């Protein structure tokens, strides 16, 4: 009600849990903010992420929503502290793998300082797969950012995420690109409506619904 959100919003779990990162040198750090700070200080890759306690269980309604979904979208968002933690909650990864829905991973526009410096698109996807996730499609932005924005992000350790089509092809994951960049000019991020349109377009292009529902999808896409 506070955010005037339409639809149903479900937490993945209601238990108290902490996030622990294991770095390339074997060191461990607990806490989302602490993980980002340690990543910058150590200048090491994050090897893996886990929840404490490890037996944290998903909200039954969240698992039910995954089982009933026709389309599941992961991301965009911080790879290790926003997307992957959901996959670590008991029951979520299994429900995602069992789902007959199209599973789309919406790739970030830029790498993130303190989490994914110098990561390619495949590095992002592989981290999700390594933590129990799965995807049928990787959705990515094709519009280049301005030189001014590129210079600004570069000074902060960020850069546009480079694609590696061959790696996705070997993994059997389809790529679907489009212009999803915000025109605000102040940040290199997705435009919400452009992203939503391309999510629908990817679903209709790669796995169209039949009958009246499919007709409705295509009507909405034509009214863009």
Protein backbone atom coordinates (compact mmCIF):
# COMPACT_ATOMS: atom_id res chain seq x y z
CA UNK A 1 0.00 0.00 0.00
CA UNK A 2 2.83 2.38 0.84
CA UNK A 3 4.46 1.87 -2.56
CA UNK A 4 1.16 1.64 -4.48
CA UNK A 5 2.31 -1.65 -5.98
CA UNK A 6 -0.11 -3.56 -8.17
CA UNK A 7 -0.16 -7.35 -8.06
CA UNK A 8 1.07 -9.54 -5.23
CA UNK A 9 4.43 -9.06 -3.51
CA UNK A 10 5.81 -12.01 -1.53
CA UNK A 11 8.99 -12.23 0.55
CA UNK A 12 11.09 -15.26 -0.30
CA UNK A 13 11.22 -16.10 3.42
CA UNK A 14 10.28 -14.61 6.79
CA UNK A 15 13.17 -16.02 8.86
CA UNK A 16 16.08 -13.91 10.00
CA UNK A 17 19.10 -14.82 7.90
CA UNK A 18 22.56 -13.41 7.21
CA UNK A 19 24.57 -13.50 4.01
CA UNK A 20 28.12 -14.88 4.04
CA UNK A 21 30.62 -14.47 1.20
CA UNK A 22 33.61 -16.75 0.68
CA UNK A 23 36.39 -14.99 -1.23
CA UNK A 24 38.99 -16.43 -3.58
CA UNK A 25 41.58 -16.59 -0.78
CA UNK A 26 39.22 -18.58 1.46
CA UNK A 27 38.38 -15.69 3.78
CA UNK A 28 34.77 -15.19 4.85
CA UNK A 29 32.72 -12.07 5.52
CA UNK A 30 29.17 -11.85 6.90
CA UNK A 31 26.69 -9.10 6.08
CA UNK A 32 25.66 -7.44 2.81
CA UNK A 33 27.39 -4.10 3.43
CA UNK A 34 30.46 -5.79 4.89
CA UNK A 35 30.74 -8.04 1.84
CA UNK A 36 30.80 -5.09 -0.55
CA UNK A 37 33.37 -3.25 1.56
CA UNK A 38 35.58 -6.33 1.89
CA UNK A 39 35.39 -6.98 -1.85
CA UNK A 40 36.76 -3.50 -2.50
CA UNK A 41 39.46 -3.77 0.17
CA UNK A 42 40.64 -7.26 -0.77
CA UNK A 43 40.31 -6.80 -4.54
CA UNK A 44 39.44 -10.49 -4.73
CA UNK A 45 36.64 -12.29 -6.55
CA UNK A 46 33.76 -13.72 -4.57
CA UNK A 47 33.96 -17.52 -4.81
CA UNK A 48 30.52 -18.26 -3.40
CA UNK A 49 27.68 -16.95 -1.24
CA UNK A 50 25.66 -18.79 1.39
CA UNK A 51 22.91 -18.05 3.90
CA UNK A 52 23.27 -18.39 7.65
CA UNK A 53 21.52 -20.44 8.88
CA UNK A 54 21.77 -22.70 5.85
CA UNK A 55 18.43 -24.40 6.61
CA UNK A 56 16.43 -21.20 5.97
CA UNK A 57 13.17 -22.22 4.30
CA UNK A 58 11.11 -20.42 1.69
CA UNK A 59 7.65 -19.03 2.32
CA UNK A 60 5.19 -21.66 0.97
CA UNK A 61 3.26 -18.99 -0.93
CA UNK A 62 6.46 -17.98 -2.73
CA UNK A 63 7.11 -21.57 -3.84
CA UNK A 64 3.49 -21.88 -4.94
CA UNK A 65 3.84 -18.71 -7.02
CA UNK A 66 6.92 -20.15 -8.74
CA UNK A 67 5.11 -23.39 -9.49
CA UNK A 68 2.12 -21.58 -10.98
CA UNK A 69 4.07 -18.98 -12.98
CA UNK A 70 4.09 -18.83 -16.77
CA UNK A 71 7.10 -16.52 -16.80
CA UNK A 72 9.85 -16.06 -14.20
CA UNK A 73 12.28 -13.13 -14.35
CA UNK A 74 15.53 -13.02 -12.36
CA UNK A 75 17.04 -9.58 -11.92
CA UNK A 76 18.19 -7.06 -12.77
CA UNK A 77 19.99 -6.29 -9.52
CA UNK A 78 23.13 -6.83 -7.48
CA UNK A 79 24.35 -10.31 -8.40
CA UNK A 80 25.66 -11.56 -5.07
CA UNK A 81 23.60 -9.54 -2.61
CA UNK A 82 20.19 -9.30 -4.34
CA UNK A 83 19.70 -12.05 -6.94
CA UNK A 84 21.64 -15.09 -5.73
CA UNK A 85 20.47 -14.92 -2.06
CA UNK A 86 16.93 -15.75 -3.19
CA UNK A 87 18.22 -18.97 -4.77
CA UNK A 88 19.82 -20.06 -1.49
CA UNK A 89 16.57 -20.15 0.47
CA UNK A 90 15.43 -23.75 0.91
CA UNK A 91 13.08 -24.90 -1.85
CA UNK A 92 13.53 -21.98 -4.26
CA UNK A 93 16.21 -23.42 -6.55
CA UNK A 94 14.34 -26.74 -6.77
CA UNK A 95 11.08 -24.97 -7.60
CA UNK A 96 12.85 -22.91 -10.25
CA UNK A 97 14.35 -26.00 -11.87
CA UNK A 98 11.01 -27.85 -11.82
CA UNK A 99 9.08 -24.95 -13.29
CA UNK A 100 7.71 -25.25 -16.80
CA UNK A 101 7.70 -21.46 -17.11
CA UNK A 102 10.11 -19.56 -19.32
CA UNK A 103 12.93 -18.40 -17.02
CA UNK A 104 14.50 -15.11 -18.09
CA UNK A 105 17.61 -13.59 -16.54
CA UNK A 106 17.62 -9.80 -17.04
CA UNK A 107 21.30 -8.92 -17.19
CA UNK A 108 22.48 -5.66 -15.63
CA UNK A 109 23.59 -2.86 -17.94
CA UNK A 110 26.88 -2.29 -16.08
CA UNK A 111 29.26 -4.18 -13.82
CA UNK A 112 28.97 -3.21 -10.15
CA UNK A 113 31.78 -1.84 -8.06
CA UNK A 114 32.27 -4.04 -4.99
CA UNK A 115 30.63 -7.12 -6.55
CA UNK A 116 31.24 -7.78 -10.24
CA UNK A 117 34.18 -5.70 -11.45
CA UNK A 118 35.32 -6.89 -14.91
CA UNK A 119 32.63 -9.61 -15.02
CA UNK A 120 31.38 -10.62 -18.45
CA UNK A 121 27.76 -11.56 -19.14
CA UNK A 122 28.72 -15.21 -18.85
CA UNK A 123 30.46 -14.62 -15.50
CA UNK A 124 27.14 -13.29 -14.19
CA UNK A 125 25.15 -16.19 -15.57
CA UNK A 126 27.66 -18.79 -14.39
CA UNK A 127 27.51 -17.43 -10.82
CA UNK A 128 23.74 -17.91 -10.86
CA UNK A 129 24.07 -21.44 -12.24
CA UNK A 130 26.78 -22.30 -9.70
CA UNK A 131 24.41 -21.31 -6.87
CA UNK A 132 21.60 -23.57 -8.01
CA UNK A 133 19.81 -21.24 -10.39
CA UNK A 134 18.77 -21.86 -13.97
CA UNK A 135 17.66 -19.82 -16.96
CA UNK A 136 16.33 -20.35 -20.45
CA UNK A 137 17.02 -16.85 -21.76
CA UNK A 138 19.46 -14.06 -20.98
CA UNK A 139 17.95 -10.65 -21.75
CA UNK A 140 20.52 -7.90 -22.36
CA UNK A 141 20.71 -4.25 -23.36
CA UNK A 142 22.13 -3.43 -26.79
CA UNK A 143 22.21 0.37 -26.65
CA UNK A 144 25.61 1.90 -25.94
CA UNK A 145 25.91 4.39 -23.10
CA UNK A 146 27.29 7.88 -23.71
CA UNK A 147 31.00 8.56 -23.45
CA UNK A 148 30.33 10.90 -20.51
CA UNK A 149 28.56 8.15 -18.58
CA UNK A 150 31.21 5.60 -19.55
CA UNK A 151 33.95 7.84 -18.16
CA UNK A 152 32.02 8.43 -14.96
CA UNK A 153 31.43 4.73 -14.34
CA UNK A 154 34.99 3.84 -15.29
CA UNK A 155 36.27 6.13 -12.54
CA UNK A 156 34.16 4.10 -10.10
CA UNK A 157 35.24 0.70 -11.45
CA UNK A 158 32.17 0.07 -13.59
CA UNK A 159 31.94 -0.79 -17.29
CA UNK A 160 29.34 -2.04 -19.78
CA UNK A 161 28.97 -5.80 -19.51
CA UNK A 162 30.53 -7.57 -22.48
CA UNK A 163 28.67 -10.43 -24.10
CA UNK A 164 30.06 -13.92 -24.76
CA UNK A 165 27.54 -15.57 -27.11
CA UNK A 166 29.53 -18.79 -27.54
CA UNK A 167 29.48 -19.55 -23.80
CA UNK A 168 25.70 -19.14 -23.65
CA UNK A 169 25.26 -21.28 -26.74
CA UNK A 170 27.32 -24.08 -25.19
CA UNK A 171 25.12 -23.91 -22.07
CA UNK A 172 21.91 -24.03 -24.12
CA UNK A 173 20.82 -20.56 -22.97
CA UNK A 174 19.26 -18.28 -25.58
CA UNK A 175 20.22 -14.62 -25.86
CA UNK A 176 17.68 -11.87 -26.51
CA UNK A 177 18.93 -8.31 -26.88
CA UNK A 178 17.22 -4.97 -27.22
CA UNK A 179 17.36 -1.27 -26.43
CA UNK A 180 16.41 -1.14 -22.75
CA UNK A 181 18.57 1.78 -21.64
CA UNK A 182 17.11 4.63 -19.63
CA UNK A 183 17.18 8.01 -21.35
CA UNK A 184 17.51 9.92 -18.05
CA UNK A 185 21.19 10.54 -18.79
CA UNK A 186 22.25 10.53 -15.16
CA UNK A 187 22.62 6.77 -14.65
CA UNK A 188 23.30 3.79 -16.89
CA UNK A 189 20.34 1.63 -15.97
CA UNK A 190 17.25 0.00 -17.44
CA UNK A 191 14.21 1.99 -18.39
CA UNK A 192 11.40 0.12 -16.60
CA UNK A 193 8.93 0.27 -19.48
CA UNK A 194 11.51 -0.69 -22.10
CA UNK A 195 12.62 -3.60 -19.93
CA UNK A 196 9.02 -4.76 -19.41
CA UNK A 197 8.36 -4.54 -23.14
CA UNK A 198 11.41 -6.66 -23.98
CA UNK A 199 10.52 -9.24 -21.33
CA UNK A 200 7.13 -9.63 -23.02
CA UNK A 201 8.68 -9.55 -26.49
CA UNK A 202 11.19 -12.26 -25.58
CA UNK A 203 8.44 -14.46 -24.18
CA UNK A 204 6.21 -13.97 -27.22
CA UNK A 205 9.07 -14.49 -29.67
CA UNK A 206 10.67 -17.53 -28.06
CA UNK A 207 7.69 -19.23 -26.40
CA UNK A 208 4.42 -17.66 -27.57
CA UNK A 209 1.19 -18.43 -25.79
CA UNK A 210 -1.62 -19.86 -27.89
CA UNK A 211 -5.25 -18.85 -28.18
CA UNK A 212 -6.76 -15.73 -26.67
CA UNK A 213 -3.87 -15.18 -24.27
CA UNK A 214 -1.38 -15.11 -27.13
CA UNK A 215 -3.60 -12.70 -29.06
CA UNK A 216 -3.73 -10.44 -26.00
CA UNK A 217 0.07 -10.53 -25.66
CA UNK A 218 0.55 -9.47 -29.25
CA UNK A 219 -2.08 -6.73 -28.91
CA UNK A 220 -0.16 -5.25 -25.98
CA UNK A 221 3.13 -5.46 -27.88
CA UNK A 222 1.62 -3.67 -30.88
CA UNK A 223 0.39 -0.89 -28.57
CA UNK A 224 3.88 -0.13 -27.30
